[in-house]
């Protein structure tokens, strides 16, 4: 449970104050899960949050918890009060927000505008750039809870950073002061970068949630305790060894076991069948490519995956 009040003190070593850029007044447009945490981290580094915009009751409560005594005002007023503005709104809302702020004259020359979208680079801020703003794309590669624990999780967190070359020092300084580590992403590679993160993190949550549900159905009383050590080891092995960490019935070519899995999933969790088959096909392809799955065992396995039941009636490898 999150405690009310100010975020816990960040124990991450901060840069020498003599090497820091000037202290900035900080505003947040969009008090979702990300913005207040980043502003709180900047506050710990000596910057001063002065304004935040929030629409929903949940966002307002979050802003009050994470940034106590910081006034909630409309977006245009956030920009009026701030030297550094964090644009922390959903990806699809960002282009319209930037255009609207620029068109209404809210953006002024010298404004540091930093968005946190993984999908976009700095070019989405072009309307503000034309108004004299300094554009930064600072995407923390972390999942956020919307609580004060996020401030601690920023310690060592990689940030996908895209900015004009002349703003690189400023972008690096801000990321480091939030406790993060900048990783430079080319403008044209931002969509691929974001797809990679979503594939790993977002789909992982779905897979784990499905596994928990299936274990409960199988009568396991504490599925989280059963999965925890297994998933922790699998993740560690995958990060260390990549495809060499593949194991299980697909990598071994156990077609009968995979067919039994599909049968049970159709009976107890039909909504999980498509995902199981898709991931099993991808796993088989990678295991084959890396010599982990023997070709003579792959034929029956791929037949099972193509048919989705017991391998009968489909040519090996069909519909892959």
Protein backbone atom coordinates (compact mmCIF):
# COMPACT_ATOMS: atom_id res chain seq x y z
CA UNK A 1 0.00 0.00 0.00
CA UNK A 2 1.21 3.48 -0.80
CA UNK A 3 1.66 5.84 2.10
CA UNK A 4 0.17 9.29 1.89
CA UNK A 5 2.53 12.24 1.82
CA UNK A 6 5.75 13.02 0.10
CA UNK A 7 7.65 10.38 -1.90
CA UNK A 8 10.36 8.52 -0.05
CA UNK A 9 13.82 10.00 -0.25
CA UNK A 10 15.76 8.90 -3.32
CA UNK A 11 19.02 7.35 -2.12
CA UNK A 12 20.54 7.26 -5.61
CA UNK A 13 23.81 9.26 -5.63
CA UNK A 14 23.16 12.58 -7.36
CA UNK A 15 25.62 14.43 -9.62
CA UNK A 16 27.92 16.97 -8.02
CA UNK A 17 25.88 20.21 -7.75
CA UNK A 18 28.72 22.13 -9.39
CA UNK A 19 28.18 20.08 -12.55
CA UNK A 20 24.43 20.49 -12.64
CA UNK A 21 22.55 22.77 -15.04
CA UNK A 22 20.65 25.71 -13.60
CA UNK A 23 17.69 24.82 -11.40
CA UNK A 24 14.47 24.89 -13.39
CA UNK A 25 10.83 25.47 -12.65
CA UNK A 26 9.02 22.31 -13.77
CA UNK A 27 5.49 21.86 -15.04
CA UNK A 28 3.60 18.67 -15.86
CA UNK A 29 0.88 18.43 -18.50
CA UNK A 30 -0.98 15.20 -17.78
CA UNK A 31 -0.93 13.79 -14.24
CA UNK A 32 -1.04 10.15 -15.26
CA UNK A 33 1.30 7.58 -13.77
CA UNK A 34 4.48 8.94 -15.34
CA UNK A 35 4.51 12.73 -15.04
CA UNK A 36 4.22 13.16 -11.26
CA UNK A 37 6.95 10.56 -10.66
CA UNK A 38 9.37 12.29 -13.02
CA UNK A 39 8.61 15.68 -11.51
CA UNK A 40 9.11 14.29 -8.00
CA UNK A 41 12.50 12.91 -9.07
CA UNK A 42 13.50 16.25 -10.51
CA UNK A 43 12.43 17.89 -7.27
CA UNK A 44 14.79 15.62 -5.35
CA UNK A 45 17.56 16.81 -7.70
CA UNK A 46 16.87 20.43 -6.80
CA UNK A 47 14.44 21.54 -9.50
CA UNK A 48 11.10 23.09 -8.48
CA UNK A 49 7.73 21.73 -9.64
CA UNK A 50 5.39 24.70 -9.92
CA UNK A 51 2.29 23.52 -11.81
CA UNK A 52 0.50 20.41 -12.99
CA UNK A 53 -2.57 19.82 -15.14
CA UNK A 54 -4.99 17.03 -14.32
CA UNK A 55 -8.43 16.16 -15.67
CA UNK A 56 -9.82 13.15 -13.83
CA UNK A 57 -10.35 12.84 -10.08
CA UNK A 58 -7.77 10.03 -10.02
CA UNK A 59 -5.19 12.28 -11.69
CA UNK A 60 -5.88 15.07 -9.25
CA UNK A 61 -5.46 12.76 -6.28
CA UNK A 62 -2.24 11.39 -7.77
CA UNK A 63 -0.88 14.91 -8.24
CA UNK A 64 -1.74 15.80 -4.65
CA UNK A 65 0.06 12.71 -3.32
CA UNK A 66 3.16 12.89 -5.49
CA UNK A 67 3.48 16.68 -5.75
CA UNK A 68 1.93 18.15 -2.61
CA UNK A 69 1.41 21.92 -2.61
CA UNK A 70 1.86 22.11 -6.41
CA UNK A 71 -1.21 23.82 -7.91
CA UNK A 72 -3.40 22.08 -10.48
CA UNK A 73 -3.99 24.48 -13.38
CA UNK A 74 -4.93 24.31 -17.09
CA UNK A 75 -2.19 23.23 -19.54
CA UNK A 76 -1.59 26.71 -20.92
CA UNK A 77 -0.97 28.02 -17.41
CA UNK A 78 1.43 25.13 -16.73
CA UNK A 79 3.54 26.41 -19.62
CA UNK A 80 3.23 30.00 -18.45
CA UNK A 81 4.69 29.13 -15.04
CA UNK A 82 7.39 26.65 -16.13
CA UNK A 83 10.79 26.61 -17.79
CA UNK A 84 10.79 22.82 -18.26
CA UNK A 85 7.47 21.22 -19.24
CA UNK A 86 6.90 17.47 -19.11
CA UNK A 87 4.24 16.41 -21.62
CA UNK A 88 3.06 13.10 -20.17
CA UNK A 89 -0.14 12.33 -22.06
CA UNK A 90 -1.12 9.20 -24.05
CA UNK A 91 0.71 8.74 -27.37
CA UNK A 92 -2.35 9.37 -29.53
CA UNK A 93 -3.10 12.64 -27.73
CA UNK A 94 0.40 14.09 -28.00
CA UNK A 95 0.42 15.55 -31.56
CA UNK A 96 -2.86 17.42 -31.03
CA UNK A 97 -1.72 18.70 -27.64
CA UNK A 98 1.54 20.05 -29.04
CA UNK A 99 -0.21 21.72 -31.99
CA UNK A 100 -2.83 23.23 -29.72
CA UNK A 101 -0.32 24.67 -27.29
CA UNK A 102 1.73 26.14 -30.14
CA UNK A 103 -1.31 27.57 -31.96
CA UNK A 104 -2.63 29.31 -28.84
CA UNK A 105 0.69 30.98 -28.10
CA UNK A 106 1.32 29.04 -24.89
CA UNK A 107 4.80 28.03 -26.08
CA UNK A 108 7.48 30.67 -25.72
CA UNK A 109 11.08 30.83 -26.97
CA UNK A 110 13.48 28.92 -24.75
CA UNK A 111 10.85 26.60 -23.31
CA UNK A 112 12.26 23.12 -22.65
CA UNK A 113 9.50 20.75 -23.79
CA UNK A 114 10.07 17.09 -22.97
CA UNK A 115 7.54 14.40 -23.87
CA UNK A 116 7.67 10.86 -22.51
CA UNK A 117 6.12 8.93 -25.40
CA UNK A 118 8.07 5.89 -26.54
CA UNK A 119 6.50 5.99 -29.98
CA UNK A 120 7.57 9.48 -30.96
CA UNK A 121 10.92 11.17 -31.27
CA UNK A 122 11.54 14.90 -31.23
CA UNK A 123 9.79 15.69 -34.53
CA UNK A 124 6.34 15.46 -32.95
CA UNK A 125 7.35 18.65 -31.14
CA UNK A 126 8.02 20.54 -34.40
CA UNK A 127 5.05 22.93 -33.94
CA UNK A 128 6.55 23.97 -30.60
CA UNK A 129 10.04 24.11 -32.12
CA UNK A 130 8.77 26.64 -34.65
CA UNK A 131 7.56 28.72 -31.71
CA UNK A 132 11.07 28.70 -30.23
CA UNK A 133 10.83 25.74 -27.84
CA UNK A 134 13.64 23.28 -27.21
CA UNK A 135 12.37 19.73 -27.95
CA UNK A 136 13.31 16.59 -26.01
CA UNK A 137 11.95 13.04 -26.16
CA UNK A 138 12.67 11.30 -22.84
CA UNK A 139 10.99 7.90 -22.53
CA UNK A 140 11.59 5.93 -19.31
CA UNK A 141 11.72 2.23 -20.16
CA UNK A 142 9.83 1.21 -17.06
CA UNK A 143 6.29 0.33 -16.06
CA UNK A 144 4.73 2.80 -13.63
CA UNK A 145 2.30 2.24 -10.76
CA UNK A 146 1.29 5.83 -10.15
CA UNK A 147 2.66 5.70 -6.60
CA UNK A 148 5.76 6.96 -4.82
CA UNK A 149 7.54 3.63 -5.41
CA UNK A 150 8.08 4.78 -9.01
CA UNK A 151 10.51 7.44 -7.83
CA UNK A 152 12.77 4.73 -6.43
CA UNK A 153 12.42 2.57 -9.54
CA UNK A 154 13.87 5.35 -11.67
CA UNK A 155 17.28 4.62 -10.16
CA UNK A 156 19.26 3.09 -13.02
CA UNK A 157 16.23 3.12 -15.34
CA UNK A 158 17.15 3.36 -19.05
CA UNK A 159 15.57 6.27 -20.93
CA UNK A 160 15.10 6.21 -24.68
CA UNK A 161 16.29 9.70 -25.64
CA UNK A 162 15.91 11.57 -28.92
CA UNK A 163 16.79 15.25 -29.30
CA UNK A 164 18.61 17.66 -31.60
CA UNK A 165 22.37 17.25 -31.27
CA UNK A 166 22.81 20.64 -29.62
CA UNK A 167 20.37 19.62 -26.86
CA UNK A 168 22.07 16.32 -26.13
CA UNK A 169 23.88 17.60 -22.99
CA UNK A 170 20.64 18.99 -21.57
CA UNK A 171 18.77 15.74 -22.26
CA UNK A 172 21.53 13.67 -20.65
CA UNK A 173 21.66 15.92 -17.59
CA UNK A 174 17.92 15.70 -16.99
CA UNK A 175 17.86 11.90 -17.33
CA UNK A 176 20.84 11.50 -14.99
CA UNK A 177 19.25 13.83 -12.45
CA UNK A 178 16.13 11.66 -12.46
CA UNK A 179 18.35 8.71 -11.63
CA UNK A 180 18.18 7.25 -15.13
CA UNK A 181 20.61 6.25 -17.85
CA UNK A 182 20.20 7.81 -21.32
CA UNK A 183 20.12 5.51 -24.37
CA UNK A 184 20.11 7.42 -27.65
CA UNK A 185 17.48 6.34 -30.19
CA UNK A 186 17.48 7.71 -33.75
CA UNK A 187 14.31 9.53 -34.75
CA UNK A 188 13.46 7.00 -37.46
CA UNK A 189 13.90 4.08 -35.04
CA UNK A 190 11.49 5.27 -32.35
CA UNK A 191 8.49 3.17 -33.53
CA UNK A 192 10.61 -0.01 -33.68
CA UNK A 193 12.17 0.77 -30.30
CA UNK A 194 8.73 1.18 -28.75
CA UNK A 195 7.37 -1.96 -30.42
CA UNK A 196 10.25 -3.95 -28.93
CA UNK A 197 9.50 -2.71 -25.42
CA UNK A 198 5.77 -3.33 -25.77
CA UNK A 199 6.37 -6.83 -27.13
CA UNK A 200 8.47 -7.69 -24.09
CA UNK A 201 6.82 -5.86 -21.20
CA UNK A 202 3.14 -5.58 -22.12
CA UNK A 203 2.78 -9.08 -23.52
CA UNK A 204 4.69 -10.48 -20.55
CA UNK A 205 1.96 -9.20 -18.23
CA UNK A 206 -0.71 -10.88 -20.37
CA UNK A 207 1.19 -14.18 -20.40
CA UNK A 208 1.75 -14.14 -16.64
CA UNK A 209 -1.89 -13.27 -15.94
CA UNK A 210 -3.05 -16.16 -18.15
CA UNK A 211 -0.65 -18.54 -16.42
CA UNK A 212 -1.95 -17.48 -13.00
CA UNK A 213 -5.55 -18.08 -14.07
CA UNK A 214 -4.73 -21.54 -15.45
CA UNK A 215 -2.90 -22.56 -12.29
CA UNK A 216 -5.87 -21.49 -10.19
CA UNK A 217 -8.12 -23.56 -12.43
CA UNK A 218 -5.75 -26.49 -11.93
CA UNK A 219 -6.21 -26.17 -8.17
CA UNK A 220 -2.96 -24.42 -7.23
CA UNK A 221 -3.60 -22.40 -4.08
CA UNK A 222 -0.79 -19.86 -4.47
CA UNK A 223 0.00 -19.60 -8.18
CA UNK A 224 2.08 -16.48 -7.71
CA UNK A 225 4.49 -18.32 -5.41
CA UNK A 226 4.69 -21.21 -7.86
CA UNK A 227 5.37 -19.00 -10.87
CA UNK A 228 7.72 -16.52 -9.19
CA UNK A 229 10.92 -18.60 -9.06
CA UNK A 230 10.30 -20.16 -12.48
CA UNK A 231 9.63 -16.87 -14.24
CA UNK A 232 12.47 -15.11 -12.44
CA UNK A 233 14.93 -17.77 -13.58
CA UNK A 234 13.53 -17.80 -17.13
CA UNK A 235 13.83 -14.01 -17.43
CA UNK A 236 17.35 -14.00 -16.03
CA UNK A 237 18.41 -16.79 -18.38
CA UNK A 238 16.81 -15.09 -21.39
CA UNK A 239 18.52 -11.76 -20.67
CA UNK A 240 21.86 -13.49 -20.23
CA UNK A 241 21.71 -16.07 -23.03
CA UNK A 242 18.95 -15.12 -25.47
CA UNK A 243 17.68 -18.03 -27.57
CA UNK A 244 20.11 -20.42 -25.90
CA UNK A 245 17.84 -20.22 -22.83
CA UNK A 246 14.90 -21.80 -24.69
CA UNK A 247 13.57 -24.90 -22.96
CA UNK A 248 10.27 -26.77 -22.60
CA UNK A 249 8.26 -29.05 -24.87
CA UNK A 250 8.37 -26.85 -27.97
CA UNK A 251 12.17 -26.50 -27.92
CA UNK A 252 12.45 -30.25 -27.28
CA UNK A 253 10.02 -31.14 -30.07
CA UNK A 254 7.53 -32.92 -27.76
CA UNK A 255 4.60 -32.82 -30.17
CA UNK A 256 2.40 -35.03 -28.00
CA UNK A 257 2.80 -32.76 -25.00
CA UNK A 258 2.02 -29.66 -27.04
CA UNK A 259 -1.09 -31.34 -28.48
CA UNK A 260 -2.23 -32.16 -24.93
CA UNK A 261 -1.70 -28.54 -23.94
CA UNK A 262 -3.87 -27.31 -26.79
CA UNK A 263 -6.62 -29.79 -25.91
CA UNK A 264 -6.69 -28.67 -22.28
CA UNK A 265 -6.61 -25.00 -23.20
CA UNK A 266 -9.56 -25.47 -25.57
CA UNK A 267 -11.46 -27.09 -22.72
CA UNK A 268 -10.61 -24.69 -19.89
CA UNK A 269 -9.38 -21.44 -21.47
CA UNK A 270 -10.31 -21.16 -25.15
CA UNK A 271 -9.31 -17.51 -25.17
CA UNK A 272 -5.70 -18.51 -24.50
CA UNK A 273 -5.40 -20.95 -27.43
CA UNK A 274 -4.54 -18.43 -30.14
CA UNK A 275 -1.80 -16.86 -28.03
CA UNK A 276 -0.35 -20.25 -27.07
CA UNK A 277 -0.21 -21.39 -30.70
CA UNK A 278 1.29 -18.11 -31.91
CA UNK A 279 4.03 -18.11 -29.26
CA UNK A 280 4.70 -21.83 -29.76
CA UNK A 281 5.18 -21.29 -33.52
CA UNK A 282 7.53 -18.39 -32.86
CA UNK A 283 9.41 -20.48 -30.30
CA UNK A 284 9.70 -23.40 -32.73
CA UNK A 285 11.04 -21.13 -35.47
CA UNK A 286 13.69 -19.68 -33.15
CA UNK A 287 14.61 -23.10 -31.74
CA UNK A 288 15.02 -24.48 -35.26
CA UNK A 289 17.07 -21.51 -36.42
CA UNK A 290 19.46 -21.88 -33.48
CA UNK A 291 19.83 -25.65 -33.70
CA UNK A 292 17.97 -26.38 -30.48
CA UNK A 293 15.02 -28.16 -32.10
CA UNK A 294 16.01 -31.20 -34.17
CA UNK A 295 14.55 -31.08 -37.71
CA UNK A 296 13.31 -34.66 -37.47
CA UNK A 297 11.24 -33.71 -34.40
CA UNK A 298 10.03 -30.43 -35.83
CA UNK A 299 7.78 -32.02 -38.48
CA UNK A 300 5.25 -33.51 -36.07
CA UNK A 301 5.43 -30.47 -33.81
CA UNK A 302 4.72 -28.02 -36.62
CA UNK A 303 1.87 -30.22 -37.74
CA UNK A 304 0.29 -29.93 -34.29
CA UNK A 305 0.74 -26.18 -34.29
CA UNK A 306 -0.68 -25.80 -37.80
CA UNK A 307 -3.75 -27.89 -37.03
CA UNK A 308 -4.17 -26.62 -33.50
CA UNK A 309 -5.38 -30.03 -32.20
CA UNK A 310 -3.46 -33.25 -32.73
CA UNK A 311 -1.58 -32.69 -35.97
CA UNK A 312 -3.96 -34.75 -38.14
CA UNK A 313 -5.09 -33.36 -41.47
CA UNK A 314 -2.46 -30.68 -42.00
CA UNK A 315 0.82 -30.65 -43.81
CA UNK A 316 3.89 -30.07 -41.66
CA UNK A 317 4.63 -26.38 -41.34
CA UNK A 318 1.34 -25.27 -42.88
CA UNK A 319 0.00 -21.82 -41.90
CA UNK A 320 3.16 -20.87 -40.07
